[in-house]
């Protein structure tokens, strides 16, 4: 069973804080996708706040509720 949108938001917030040290109480999940080797989350820290992305391990991706049975192609850096 996958978490609700609010539960996913809270879990992403926890992972972002743990991985980046950034506390985003008003975090907005813009997109969360499975990718080869884990997950990728795009987020914004509240309305008009900073945005970022975070590569997740497979365990973190499952924790935040990303369906790991379908993977997107890896994003290419520009």
Protein backbone atom coordinates (compact mmCIF):
# COMPACT_ATOMS: atom_id res chain seq x y z
CA UNK A 1 0.00 0.00 0.00
CA UNK A 2 1.31 3.42 -0.95
CA UNK A 3 1.25 6.43 1.38
CA UNK A 4 -1.25 9.26 0.98
CA UNK A 5 -0.04 12.46 -0.69
CA UNK A 6 0.43 14.08 2.73
CA UNK A 7 2.32 11.09 4.11
CA UNK A 8 4.54 11.04 1.01
CA UNK A 9 5.22 14.76 1.47
CA UNK A 10 6.24 14.20 5.10
CA UNK A 11 8.49 11.28 4.16
CA UNK A 12 10.16 13.26 1.37
CA UNK A 13 10.64 16.13 3.83
CA UNK A 14 12.39 13.73 6.25
CA UNK A 15 14.70 12.39 3.54
CA UNK A 16 15.51 15.89 2.24
CA UNK A 17 16.34 17.06 5.75
CA UNK A 18 18.50 13.99 6.44
CA UNK A 19 20.35 14.16 3.11
CA UNK A 20 20.74 17.93 2.67
CA UNK A 21 20.26 19.38 6.16
CA UNK A 22 17.55 21.64 4.69
CA UNK A 23 14.40 21.97 6.82
CA UNK A 24 11.37 22.54 4.60
CA UNK A 25 8.20 22.56 6.70
CA UNK A 26 6.15 23.66 3.66
CA UNK A 27 7.81 21.24 1.21
CA UNK A 28 5.90 20.56 -2.02
CA UNK A 29 6.64 17.37 -3.97
CA UNK A 30 6.73 18.40 -7.62
CA UNK A 31 7.52 14.96 -9.03
CA UNK A 32 8.66 11.60 -7.70
CA UNK A 33 9.76 8.93 -10.16
CA UNK A 34 11.51 5.60 -10.17
CA UNK A 35 14.76 5.62 -12.11
CA UNK A 36 17.45 3.06 -12.72
CA UNK A 37 19.09 2.42 -9.34
CA UNK A 38 16.50 4.16 -7.15
CA UNK A 39 14.26 7.19 -7.33
CA UNK A 40 14.35 10.86 -8.17
CA UNK A 41 12.34 13.49 -6.30
CA UNK A 42 11.88 17.07 -7.44
CA UNK A 43 10.65 19.35 -4.67
CA UNK A 44 10.18 22.97 -3.69
CA UNK A 45 10.44 24.45 -0.20
CA UNK A 46 7.05 26.15 -0.05
CA UNK A 47 5.43 28.63 -2.37
CA UNK A 48 8.15 30.65 -4.07
CA UNK A 49 10.87 28.81 -2.13
CA UNK A 50 13.99 27.14 -3.38
CA UNK A 51 13.60 24.02 -5.46
CA UNK A 52 15.82 21.02 -5.76
CA UNK A 53 16.06 17.40 -6.68
CA UNK A 54 17.36 14.43 -4.79
CA UNK A 55 18.49 11.02 -6.01
CA UNK A 56 17.17 8.32 -3.71
CA UNK A 57 18.42 4.84 -3.00
CA UNK A 58 15.93 2.05 -3.79
CA UNK A 59 15.12 1.80 -0.07
CA UNK A 60 14.46 5.56 0.24
CA UNK A 61 12.37 5.50 -2.94
CA UNK A 62 10.18 2.72 -1.57
CA UNK A 63 9.95 4.55 1.80
CA UNK A 64 8.60 7.72 0.19
CA UNK A 65 6.11 5.69 -1.86
CA UNK A 66 7.63 5.56 -5.33
CA UNK A 67 6.39 2.57 -7.33
CA UNK A 68 9.65 0.75 -8.05
CA UNK A 69 8.05 -1.65 -10.56
CA UNK A 70 8.13 1.07 -13.28
CA UNK A 71 11.30 3.00 -14.00
CA UNK A 72 11.82 6.13 -16.07
CA UNK A 73 14.84 6.54 -18.25
CA UNK A 74 17.68 8.26 -16.39
CA UNK A 75 17.71 12.03 -16.84
CA UNK A 76 20.62 13.33 -18.85
CA UNK A 77 22.67 16.19 -17.47
CA UNK A 78 23.03 19.22 -19.67
